[in-house]
N, C-alpha and C. Protein backbone atom coordinates (compact mmCIF):
# COMPACT_ATOMS: atom_id res chain seq x y z
N MET A 1 103.47 -34.84 -2.82
CA MET A 1 104.43 -33.88 -3.24
C MET A 1 104.86 -33.11 -3.07
N ALA A 2 106.34 -33.23 -3.09
CA ALA A 2 107.06 -31.53 -2.85
C ALA A 2 106.32 -30.57 -3.58
N ARG A 3 106.30 -29.36 -2.47
CA ARG A 3 105.98 -28.09 -2.93
C ARG A 3 106.98 -27.77 -4.26
N VAL A 4 107.98 -27.77 -4.08
CA VAL A 4 109.04 -27.79 -4.88
C VAL A 4 109.59 -28.41 -5.92
N LYS A 5 108.97 -28.51 -7.26
CA LYS A 5 109.36 -29.44 -8.18
C LYS A 5 110.34 -29.41 -9.15
N HIS A 6 111.42 -30.18 -9.72
CA HIS A 6 112.59 -30.23 -9.92
C HIS A 6 111.62 -29.72 -11.77
N PRO A 7 112.30 -29.20 -12.34
CA PRO A 7 111.97 -28.82 -13.80
C PRO A 7 111.60 -29.62 -14.64
N GLY A 8 112.19 -30.81 -14.44
CA GLY A 8 111.93 -31.80 -16.14
C GLY A 8 111.05 -32.71 -15.36
N LYS A 9 110.90 -33.02 -13.91
CA LYS A 9 109.22 -33.76 -13.92
C LYS A 9 108.34 -32.89 -13.72
N LYS A 10 108.24 -30.93 -13.43
CA LYS A 10 107.28 -30.60 -13.47
C LYS A 10 106.89 -30.46 -14.97
N SER A 11 107.88 -30.06 -15.87
CA SER A 11 107.44 -30.01 -17.59
C SER A 11 106.68 -31.48 -18.02
N ARG A 12 107.25 -32.67 -17.44
CA ARG A 12 106.65 -33.83 -17.80
C ARG A 12 104.85 -33.99 -17.65
N LEU A 13 104.83 -33.31 -16.31
CA LEU A 13 103.54 -33.27 -15.63
C LEU A 13 102.72 -32.37 -16.57
N ALA A 14 103.28 -30.99 -16.75
CA ALA A 14 102.86 -30.26 -17.42
C ALA A 14 102.12 -30.60 -18.99
N LYS A 15 103.25 -31.61 -19.72
CA LYS A 15 102.92 -32.11 -20.58
C LYS A 15 101.81 -33.08 -20.62
N ALA A 16 101.83 -34.12 -19.40
CA ALA A 16 100.64 -35.40 -18.99
C ALA A 16 99.52 -34.32 -18.97
N ALA A 17 99.62 -33.42 -18.49
CA ALA A 17 98.09 -32.81 -18.28
C ALA A 17 97.70 -32.12 -19.61
N ARG A 18 98.05 -31.29 -20.33
CA ARG A 18 98.18 -31.07 -21.70
C ARG A 18 97.17 -31.82 -22.60
N ARG A 19 97.59 -33.42 -22.60
CA ARG A 19 97.48 -34.31 -23.20
C ARG A 19 96.18 -35.16 -22.84
N THR A 20 96.13 -34.89 -21.70
CA THR A 20 94.29 -35.16 -21.13
C THR A 20 92.92 -34.36 -21.07
N ARG A 21 93.70 -33.04 -22.15
CA ARG A 21 92.42 -32.01 -22.27
C ARG A 21 91.39 -32.84 -23.82
N TRP A 22 89.98 -32.31 -23.33
CA TRP A 22 89.32 -32.45 -24.69
C TRP A 22 90.04 -31.81 -25.86
N ALA A 23 89.41 -32.55 -26.53
CA ALA A 23 90.03 -31.72 -28.45
C ALA A 23 89.27 -30.32 -28.34
N PRO A 24 89.45 -29.60 -29.46
CA PRO A 24 89.15 -28.63 -29.40
C PRO A 24 87.20 -28.31 -30.47
N PHE A 25 86.08 -27.78 -29.73
CA PHE A 25 85.12 -27.77 -30.16
C PHE A 25 84.74 -27.88 -31.71
N TRP A 26 85.82 -27.40 -32.65
CA TRP A 26 85.87 -27.23 -34.00
C TRP A 26 85.99 -28.39 -34.65
N THR A 27 86.18 -29.46 -34.03
CA THR A 27 86.85 -30.26 -34.25
C THR A 27 85.87 -31.56 -34.86
N VAL A 28 84.56 -31.49 -34.40
CA VAL A 28 83.10 -32.28 -33.72
C VAL A 28 82.58 -32.07 -35.36
N PRO A 29 82.10 -30.83 -35.54
CA PRO A 29 81.46 -30.93 -37.06
C PRO A 29 82.04 -30.84 -38.45
N LYS A 30 84.03 -31.09 -37.94
CA LYS A 30 85.03 -31.20 -38.89
C LYS A 30 85.01 -32.66 -39.41
N LEU A 31 84.76 -33.37 -38.08
CA LEU A 31 85.16 -35.12 -38.37
C LEU A 31 83.69 -35.75 -38.96
N TYR A 32 82.58 -35.03 -38.12
CA TYR A 32 81.38 -35.83 -38.19
C TYR A 32 80.41 -35.12 -39.16
N GLY A 33 80.40 -33.57 -39.11
CA GLY A 33 79.66 -33.45 -40.05
C GLY A 33 78.87 -32.10 -39.21
N LYS A 34 77.92 -31.44 -39.72
CA LYS A 34 77.09 -30.64 -39.11
C LYS A 34 76.41 -30.78 -38.35
N SER A 35 75.44 -31.66 -38.00
CA SER A 35 74.08 -31.86 -37.71
C SER A 35 75.14 -32.90 -36.62
N ARG A 36 75.54 -33.74 -36.51
CA ARG A 36 76.08 -34.18 -35.71
C ARG A 36 76.72 -34.26 -34.08
N ARG A 37 75.80 -34.50 -33.15
CA ARG A 37 76.90 -33.66 -31.87
C ARG A 37 77.34 -34.79 -31.21
N VAL A 38 78.14 -34.80 -30.71
CA VAL A 38 79.19 -35.42 -30.34
C VAL A 38 80.15 -35.22 -29.24
N HIS A 39 80.48 -35.46 -28.38
CA HIS A 39 81.29 -35.06 -27.18
C HIS A 39 82.71 -35.14 -27.71
N PRO A 40 83.27 -33.49 -27.33
CA PRO A 40 84.54 -33.79 -28.07
C PRO A 40 85.88 -34.17 -27.15
N GLY A 41 85.45 -35.13 -26.22
CA GLY A 41 86.57 -35.93 -25.42
C GLY A 41 86.39 -37.35 -25.86
N ARG A 42 85.71 -36.92 -26.86
CA ARG A 42 85.82 -38.84 -27.25
C ARG A 42 86.56 -38.86 -28.31
N HIS A 43 87.33 -37.72 -28.93
CA HIS A 43 88.35 -38.21 -30.12
C HIS A 43 89.55 -37.51 -29.95
N THR A 44 89.63 -37.70 -28.36
CA THR A 44 90.97 -37.20 -27.76
C THR A 44 91.65 -38.19 -27.67
N THR A 45 93.10 -38.14 -28.05
CA THR A 45 93.78 -39.24 -28.12
C THR A 45 94.08 -40.00 -27.07
N VAL A 46 94.38 -39.43 -25.91
CA VAL A 46 95.20 -40.28 -24.66
C VAL A 46 94.39 -39.56 -23.77
N LYS A 47 93.59 -40.68 -23.11
CA LYS A 47 92.56 -40.55 -22.10
C LYS A 47 93.58 -41.29 -21.04
N ARG A 48 92.95 -40.29 -19.37
CA ARG A 48 94.22 -40.70 -18.42
C ARG A 48 93.08 -39.75 -17.51
N SER A 49 93.33 -40.30 -16.33
CA SER A 49 92.77 -39.77 -15.12
C SER A 49 93.69 -40.02 -14.38
N TRP A 50 93.63 -38.56 -13.25
CA TRP A 50 95.19 -38.88 -11.92
C TRP A 50 93.99 -39.82 -11.22
N ARG A 51 93.20 -40.30 -10.81
CA ARG A 51 92.22 -41.64 -9.93
C ARG A 51 93.01 -42.49 -11.14
N ARG A 52 92.86 -43.06 -12.03
CA ARG A 52 92.68 -44.61 -12.64
C ARG A 52 94.53 -44.98 -13.06
N THR A 53 94.78 -44.26 -13.92
CA THR A 53 96.21 -44.40 -14.32
C THR A 53 97.10 -43.22 -13.96
N LYS A 54 98.43 -44.05 -13.08
CA LYS A 54 99.45 -42.56 -12.91
C LYS A 54 100.11 -42.75 -14.14
N ILE A 55 100.87 -41.98 -14.08
CA ILE A 55 102.43 -41.67 -15.22
C ILE A 55 103.53 -41.82 -14.69
N LYS A 56 104.63 -42.04 -15.35
CA LYS A 56 105.92 -42.32 -14.28
C LYS A 56 106.83 -40.99 -14.64
N ALA A 57 106.54 -40.59 -13.91
CA ALA A 57 107.13 -38.66 -13.87
C ALA A 57 108.19 -39.00 -13.04
């Protein structure tokens, strides 16, 4: 990939990077209750890895 990216492409890549993050830790007790221990990445809407799935940027 080029060192200097077009601003539009850079913003699309940044948006895709933000989407793949885990959900905040405080959402776990909010959704499942205080005692249930679940990984916060479980209820992230978009699951994507740079290796598995490519994006059209």
